[in-house]
Protein backbone atom coordinates (compact mmCIF):
# COMPACT_ATOMS: atom_id res chain seq x y z
CA MET A 1 -2.91 -207.82 33.33
CA SER A 2 -5.91 -208.78 31.20
CA VAL A 3 -6.50 -211.88 33.34
CA GLY A 4 -6.37 -209.73 36.48
CA ILE A 5 -8.95 -207.30 35.07
CA LEU A 6 -11.19 -210.23 34.12
CA ILE A 7 -10.93 -211.74 37.61
CA LEU A 8 -11.70 -208.35 39.18
CA ARG A 9 -14.74 -207.94 36.94
CA LEU A 10 -16.06 -211.40 37.85
CA TRP A 11 -15.51 -210.67 41.53
CA MET A 12 -17.42 -207.39 41.31
CA LEU A 13 -20.30 -209.18 39.55
CA GLY A 14 -20.40 -211.87 42.24
CA GLY A 15 -19.18 -214.61 39.89
CA SER A 16 -22.14 -214.24 37.53
CA SER A 17 -22.24 -212.87 34.02
CA PRO A 18 -24.10 -209.59 33.34
CA ALA A 19 -27.70 -209.83 32.18
CA PHE A 20 -28.74 -208.31 28.85
CA SER A 21 -32.06 -207.86 27.10
CA ASP A 22 -33.17 -208.50 23.55
CA GLN A 23 -32.86 -204.77 22.91
CA ASP A 24 -29.11 -204.92 23.56
CA ASN A 25 -28.24 -207.98 21.48
CA PRO A 26 -31.23 -209.38 19.55
CA ALA A 27 -29.22 -212.15 17.87
CA SER A 28 -28.31 -213.79 21.18
CA PHE A 29 -32.03 -214.12 22.04
CA SER A 30 -32.98 -215.75 18.75
CA PRO A 31 -34.30 -219.30 19.21
CA SER A 32 -32.74 -220.38 15.89
CA LEU A 33 -29.15 -221.62 16.02
CA VAL A 34 -28.73 -220.83 12.31
CA THR A 35 -29.80 -217.22 12.83
CA ARG A 36 -27.45 -216.76 15.74
CA ALA A 37 -24.48 -218.30 13.93
CA LEU A 38 -24.96 -216.43 10.66
CA THR A 39 -25.57 -213.11 12.40
CA PHE A 40 -22.50 -213.47 14.65
CA LEU A 41 -20.42 -214.32 11.57
CA TYR A 42 -21.72 -211.24 9.78
CA LEU A 43 -21.15 -208.69 12.56
CA PRO A 44 -17.32 -208.66 12.07
CA VAL A 45 -18.00 -207.91 8.40
CA PHE A 46 -20.11 -204.93 9.40
CA ASN A 47 -17.35 -203.65 11.68
CA ALA A 48 -14.75 -204.14 8.96
CA TRP A 49 -16.89 -202.04 6.62
CA LEU A 50 -16.99 -199.27 9.22
CA LEU A 51 -13.17 -199.24 9.13
CA LEU A 52 -13.01 -199.25 5.34
CA CYS A 53 -15.83 -196.75 4.79
CA PRO A 54 -16.85 -194.89 7.98
CA TRP A 55 -19.77 -193.12 6.39
CA SER A 56 -22.74 -194.53 8.34
CA LEU A 57 -21.79 -193.91 11.97
CA SER A 58 -24.01 -193.88 15.03
CA HIS A 59 -23.60 -193.59 18.78
CA ASP A 60 -26.03 -196.46 19.39
CA TRP A 61 -26.71 -199.56 17.32
CA GLN A 62 -29.36 -201.24 19.49
CA MET A 63 -32.95 -202.25 18.78
CA GLY A 64 -32.66 -203.87 15.38
CA SER A 65 -30.22 -201.44 13.83
CA VAL A 66 -28.54 -204.40 12.11
CA ALA A 67 -31.04 -206.87 10.71
CA LEU A 68 -30.59 -210.51 11.66
CA VAL A 69 -29.27 -212.94 9.06
CA THR A 70 -31.98 -215.59 9.12
CA SER A 71 -31.25 -217.54 5.94
CA PRO A 72 -28.16 -219.12 4.38
CA PHE A 73 -29.25 -217.56 1.09
CA ASP A 74 -28.92 -214.01 2.43
CA LEU A 75 -26.48 -212.06 0.25
CA ARG A 76 -24.68 -210.80 3.35
CA ASN A 77 -23.30 -214.29 3.83
CA LEU A 78 -21.25 -213.69 0.68
CA ALA A 79 -19.63 -210.70 2.36
CA SER A 80 -18.78 -212.94 5.34
CA VAL A 81 -17.09 -215.44 3.05
CA LEU A 82 -15.10 -212.67 1.35
CA LEU A 83 -13.91 -211.23 4.68
CA TYR A 84 -12.72 -214.49 6.20
CA GLY A 85 -11.19 -215.52 2.90
CA GLY A 86 -9.32 -212.22 2.72
CA LEU A 87 -8.02 -212.63 6.26
CA ALA A 88 -6.81 -216.14 5.41
CA LEU A 89 -4.98 -214.85 2.32
CA ALA A 90 -3.42 -212.04 4.34
CA LEU A 91 -2.21 -214.54 6.93
CA ARG A 92 -0.71 -216.71 4.22
CA ALA A 93 1.00 -213.66 2.68
CA GLY A 94 2.47 -212.74 6.06
CA LEU A 95 3.88 -216.24 6.48
CA VAL A 96 5.24 -216.45 2.93
CA ILE A 97 6.71 -212.97 2.55
CA LYS A 98 10.03 -212.70 4.33
CA GLY A 99 11.50 -209.66 5.92
CA ARG A 100 9.97 -206.45 7.12
CA ASP A 101 6.77 -206.58 5.08
CA GLY A 102 5.90 -210.09 6.23
CA ASN A 103 6.39 -209.20 9.86
CA GLY A 104 4.32 -206.04 9.35
CA ILE A 105 1.43 -208.04 7.86
CA LEU A 106 1.44 -210.47 10.78
CA LEU A 107 1.57 -207.64 13.30
CA GLY A 108 -1.27 -205.84 11.53
CA LEU A 109 -3.43 -208.98 11.59
CA VAL A 110 -2.75 -209.49 15.28
CA LEU A 111 -3.73 -205.91 16.10
CA LEU A 112 -6.77 -206.16 13.88
CA VAL A 113 -8.17 -209.51 15.03
CA VAL A 114 -7.09 -210.23 18.61
CA PRO A 115 -8.48 -207.07 20.32
CA PHE A 116 -11.76 -207.61 18.48
CA LEU A 117 -12.27 -211.23 19.59
CA PRO A 118 -14.03 -210.41 22.91
CA ALA A 119 -16.73 -208.52 20.98
CA THR A 120 -17.52 -211.36 18.55
CA ASN A 121 -19.88 -213.28 20.92
CA LEU A 122 -17.56 -216.25 20.37
CA PHE A 123 -16.52 -216.76 23.99
CA PHE A 124 -19.41 -215.03 25.77
CA THR A 125 -22.42 -212.90 24.93
CA VAL A 126 -21.86 -209.16 24.85
CA GLY A 127 -24.40 -206.42 25.51
CA PHE A 128 -24.28 -204.68 22.13
CA VAL A 129 -24.62 -205.36 18.44
CA VAL A 130 -22.08 -202.91 17.07
CA ALA A 131 -19.98 -200.50 19.11
CA GLU A 132 -17.58 -198.17 17.32
CA ARG A 133 -15.48 -197.75 20.46
CA ILE A 134 -14.18 -201.32 20.18
CA LEU A 135 -12.55 -200.46 16.84
CA TYR A 136 -9.93 -198.13 18.32
CA ILE A 137 -7.19 -200.73 18.74
CA PRO A 138 -8.15 -202.77 15.62
CA SER A 139 -7.84 -199.55 13.63
CA LEU A 140 -4.08 -199.64 14.35
CA GLY A 141 -3.79 -202.97 12.58
CA TYR A 142 -5.99 -201.68 9.77
CA ALA A 143 -3.75 -198.63 9.29
CA LEU A 144 -0.64 -200.82 9.30
CA LEU A 145 -2.04 -203.15 6.64
CA ILE A 146 -3.11 -200.18 4.50
CA SER A 147 0.36 -198.64 4.73
CA ILE A 148 1.98 -201.92 3.64
CA GLY A 149 -0.42 -202.15 0.72
CA LEU A 150 0.25 -198.54 -0.34
CA SER A 151 4.00 -199.12 -0.25
CA ARG A 152 3.62 -201.65 -3.07
CA LEU A 153 1.74 -199.33 -5.45
CA GLY A 154 4.82 -197.58 -6.84
CA ARG A 155 3.97 -194.24 -8.45
CA LEU A 156 0.34 -194.46 -7.35
CA ARG A 157 1.35 -194.50 -3.71
CA ALA A 158 1.41 -190.72 -3.17
CA PRO A 159 -1.92 -189.92 -4.93
CA CYS A 160 -3.74 -192.76 -3.15
CA LEU A 161 -2.34 -191.72 0.22
CA LEU A 162 -3.37 -188.11 -0.35
CA LEU A 163 -6.87 -189.17 -1.39
CA LEU A 164 -7.28 -191.32 1.72
CA LEU A 165 -6.07 -188.55 4.01
CA MET A 166 -8.43 -186.00 2.48
CA ALA A 167 -11.45 -188.32 2.59
CA PHE A 168 -10.96 -189.47 6.18
CA SER A 169 -10.10 -185.96 7.39
CA CYS A 170 -13.31 -184.54 5.93
CA ARG A 171 -15.31 -187.32 7.51
CA THR A 172 -13.65 -186.68 10.88
CA VAL A 173 -14.52 -182.98 10.78
CA GLN A 174 -18.10 -183.77 9.83
CA ARG A 175 -18.46 -186.35 12.60
CA ASN A 176 -17.06 -183.95 15.19
CA ARG A 177 -19.86 -181.54 14.33
CA ASP A 178 -22.38 -184.29 15.08
CA TRP A 179 -21.08 -184.43 18.65
CA GLU A 180 -21.44 -180.71 19.37
CA SER A 181 -24.68 -181.12 21.36
CA ARG A 182 -27.40 -183.57 22.25
CA GLU A 183 -29.63 -182.30 19.48
CA THR A 184 -27.00 -182.59 16.73
CA LEU A 185 -26.06 -186.08 17.95
CA PHE A 186 -29.65 -187.32 17.98
CA VAL A 187 -30.39 -185.78 14.59
CA ALA A 188 -27.31 -187.48 13.15
CA GLY A 189 -28.44 -190.77 14.68
CA LEU A 190 -31.89 -190.43 13.14
CA ARG A 191 -30.33 -189.61 9.79
CA THR A 192 -28.19 -192.76 9.92
CA LEU A 193 -30.70 -195.14 11.56
CA PRO A 194 -34.27 -193.95 10.92
CA HIS A 195 -35.52 -197.47 11.75
CA ASN A 196 -33.96 -197.44 15.25
CA ALA A 197 -36.64 -197.09 17.93
CA LYS A 198 -34.19 -195.87 20.55
CA MET A 199 -33.12 -192.98 18.32
CA HIS A 200 -36.73 -191.81 18.09
CA TYR A 201 -37.23 -192.24 21.83
CA ASN A 202 -34.14 -190.20 22.73
CA TYR A 203 -35.06 -187.48 20.27
CA ALA A 204 -38.61 -187.41 21.67
CA ASN A 205 -37.22 -186.92 25.19
CA LEU A 206 -35.11 -184.03 23.95
CA GLN A 207 -38.04 -182.35 22.20
CA LYS A 208 -40.20 -182.79 25.30
CA ASP A 209 -37.54 -181.01 27.35
CA LEU A 210 -37.46 -178.21 24.78
CA GLY A 211 -41.24 -177.84 24.90
CA ASN A 212 -41.99 -179.20 21.41
CA THR A 213 -44.88 -181.40 22.50
CA ASN A 214 -46.23 -182.31 19.07
CA LEU A 215 -42.84 -183.33 17.71
CA ALA A 216 -42.11 -185.33 20.86
CA LYS A 217 -45.44 -187.15 20.58
CA TYR A 218 -44.74 -188.07 16.96
CA HIS A 219 -41.36 -189.61 17.75
CA TYR A 220 -42.74 -191.43 20.82
CA GLU A 221 -45.36 -193.03 18.61
CA GLU A 222 -42.75 -193.85 15.97
CA ALA A 223 -40.55 -195.52 18.60
CA ILE A 224 -43.44 -197.69 19.81
CA ARG A 225 -44.36 -198.56 16.24
CA LEU A 226 -40.82 -199.69 15.43
CA TRP A 227 -40.38 -201.58 18.69
CA PRO A 228 -43.75 -202.68 20.15
CA GLY A 229 -42.02 -204.17 23.17
CA LEU A 230 -40.75 -200.78 24.25
CA THR A 231 -42.19 -200.41 27.74
CA GLN A 232 -40.69 -197.02 28.59
CA ARG A 233 -43.13 -194.13 28.61
CA PRO A 234 -42.78 -190.34 28.46
CA GLN A 235 -41.88 -189.02 31.88
CA GLN A 236 -44.42 -187.17 33.97
CA PRO A 237 -44.25 -183.38 34.35
CA ASP A 238 -43.62 -183.66 38.13
CA ALA A 239 -39.91 -184.14 37.55
CA THR A 240 -36.90 -181.91 37.71
CA GLN A 241 -34.08 -181.85 35.17
CA ARG A 242 -30.64 -182.69 36.54
CA HIS A 243 -27.26 -181.64 35.19
CA ASP A 244 -26.60 -185.10 33.71
CA GLY A 245 -29.76 -185.13 31.61
CA ARG A 246 -31.73 -187.57 33.78
CA ARG A 247 -34.78 -186.68 35.81
CA ASP A 248 -35.54 -187.08 39.48
CA PRO A 249 -39.00 -186.76 41.05
CA LEU A 250 -39.70 -183.73 43.14
CA PRO A 251 -39.55 -184.30 46.91
CA PRO A 252 -42.98 -184.49 48.62
CA ARG A 253 -44.22 -181.25 50.07
CA PRO A 254 -44.72 -181.12 53.86
CA GLN A 255 -48.34 -181.54 54.87
CA GLY A 256 -50.27 -179.89 57.69
CA PRO A 257 -50.27 -176.38 59.12
CA PRO A 258 -47.04 -174.39 59.25
CA ALA A 259 -46.79 -174.86 63.03
CA ALA A 260 -46.50 -178.63 62.58
CA ARG A 261 -43.54 -178.39 60.22
CA PRO A 262 -40.04 -179.06 61.62
CA ARG A 263 -38.06 -176.01 62.68
CA LEU A 264 -34.67 -175.26 61.23
CA LEU A 265 -33.09 -174.13 64.51
CA GLN A 266 -33.36 -177.00 66.98
CA PRO A 267 -31.93 -175.40 70.19
CA ARG A 268 -34.67 -173.26 71.78
CA GLN A 269 -32.27 -171.58 74.23
CA PRO A 270 -29.12 -170.98 72.20
CA GLN A 271 -27.36 -168.99 74.94
CA ALA A 272 -27.76 -171.69 77.59
CA ALA A 273 -26.83 -174.39 75.08
CA ALA A 274 -23.70 -172.49 74.09
CA ARG A 275 -22.63 -172.06 77.75
CA ALA A 276 -23.14 -175.77 78.44
CA CYS A 277 -21.22 -176.58 75.29
CA ARG A 278 -18.28 -174.42 76.35
CA ARG A 279 -18.20 -176.13 79.76
CA SER A 280 -18.18 -179.64 78.20
CA ARG A 281 -15.79 -178.87 75.36
CA GLY A 282 -13.12 -181.50 74.92
CA PRO A 283 -9.76 -181.39 73.17
CA PRO A 284 -9.56 -179.65 69.75
CA GLY A 285 -10.61 -181.93 66.90
CA GLY A 286 -12.53 -184.31 69.19
CA GLU A 287 -16.18 -185.23 68.84
CA PRO A 288 -17.42 -182.87 71.66
CA ALA A 289 -15.47 -180.01 70.14
CA LEU A 290 -17.00 -180.75 66.74
CA ARG A 291 -20.50 -180.70 68.22
CA CYS A 292 -19.71 -177.42 69.93
CA HIS A 293 -18.53 -175.96 66.64
CA GLN A 294 -21.70 -177.03 64.85
CA GLN A 295 -23.89 -175.78 67.71
CA GLY A 296 -21.99 -172.49 67.81
CA ARG A 297 -22.75 -172.00 64.14
CA ARG A 298 -26.47 -172.46 64.89
CA VAL A 299 -26.26 -169.98 67.77
CA SER A 300 -24.56 -167.44 65.50
CA LEU A 301 -27.27 -167.97 62.91
CA GLY A 302 -29.94 -167.40 65.57
CA ARG A 303 -28.30 -164.14 66.64
CA ALA A 304 -28.15 -162.93 63.06
CA LEU A 305 -31.83 -163.70 62.54
CA ARG A 306 -32.82 -161.89 65.73
CA ARG A 307 -30.77 -158.84 64.77
CA ARG A 308 -32.55 -158.78 61.42
CA ARG A 309 -35.97 -159.03 63.05
CA THR A 310 -35.23 -156.48 65.85
CA PRO A 311 -34.71 -152.93 64.49
CA CYS A 312 -32.73 -150.32 66.35
CA ARG A 313 -35.54 -148.11 67.71
CA SER A 314 -33.50 -145.37 69.32
CA ARG A 315 -30.29 -143.76 68.43
CA GLU A 316 -30.29 -141.25 71.26
CA PRO A 317 -27.29 -141.62 73.59
CA SER A 318 -28.05 -142.67 77.14
CA PRO A 319 -27.05 -140.37 80.03
CA GLY A 320 -23.32 -140.50 80.54
CA SER A 321 -22.57 -142.10 77.15
CA SER A 322 -21.53 -140.84 73.75
CA TRP A 323 -22.88 -141.25 70.22
CA GLY A 324 -20.28 -143.92 69.46
CA ALA A 325 -21.38 -146.00 72.44
CA ALA A 326 -24.97 -145.68 71.30
CA ASP A 327 -23.99 -146.87 67.81
CA ARG A 328 -22.09 -149.86 69.21
CA SER A 329 -24.97 -150.82 71.50
CA CYS A 330 -27.41 -150.48 68.57
CA GLY A 331 -25.28 -152.67 66.34
CA ALA A 332 -24.97 -155.31 69.10
CA GLN A 333 -28.72 -155.83 69.29
């Protein structure tokens, strides 16, 4: 199934890989092979820390949110060594330990590592630095490994499990509040990543929509300062807000005198057009019948407009008629 989805994706892209910019994945655009290798080795460590301690969360990690590892003497390389060493020890423990626990460790490692491999830039370049959505399936393996570890703590198992449940539940409730609205989400992003230019740009757009011009200008300037290559600019006021948050330009206004503008009702003689339509009507559901139906709707609209423009001037009954006939004739005008 995975191979089929991959083939379908390549077919939809015309056999070419998607194009990304340096804003999406800065490490892949680095000219230094050392920087690219060390940064790609460190990114799984960053994701593993999000599983262990999901305190600093954000909906977008682009534009330098994670600094590049440019030197072998960077202390973050030590964290990379500890992570891969820990995974190797866990694999050895799964192979050595027999029975249910050993199989559980191996299954947890498979669920933790294999679904994450496409996001490691190992086989192909991806369009993001860190994306919390790719940790959904690996979190199953993480939970399985944690449960196996807690089962070996003896009397400390229950207190540690209760502490973990309380801590992660509180963090879940707090994070759900961040997603209540656009403003709360952008404020939470700025609180987590104040050095992210895209966070400032999104928040500036929001404040511009709310009418806070000075605050929007400040965050626009901050976004350009943090990312000088940011070419996007504040949108012009001749735009209309859509339901999905984006903006579309207003349609051009018709030029010239009102007489030169197109008329809404095309048929000038609706009665004659309706009679000709009835004579040429084809079978129900056919194309001539559909045109007749649409034209009949225009004729009905024309009658309604004429009735609205033409008032009933007299309500006196004509000779030989009654008040009811006068009312019906008045309403038919």
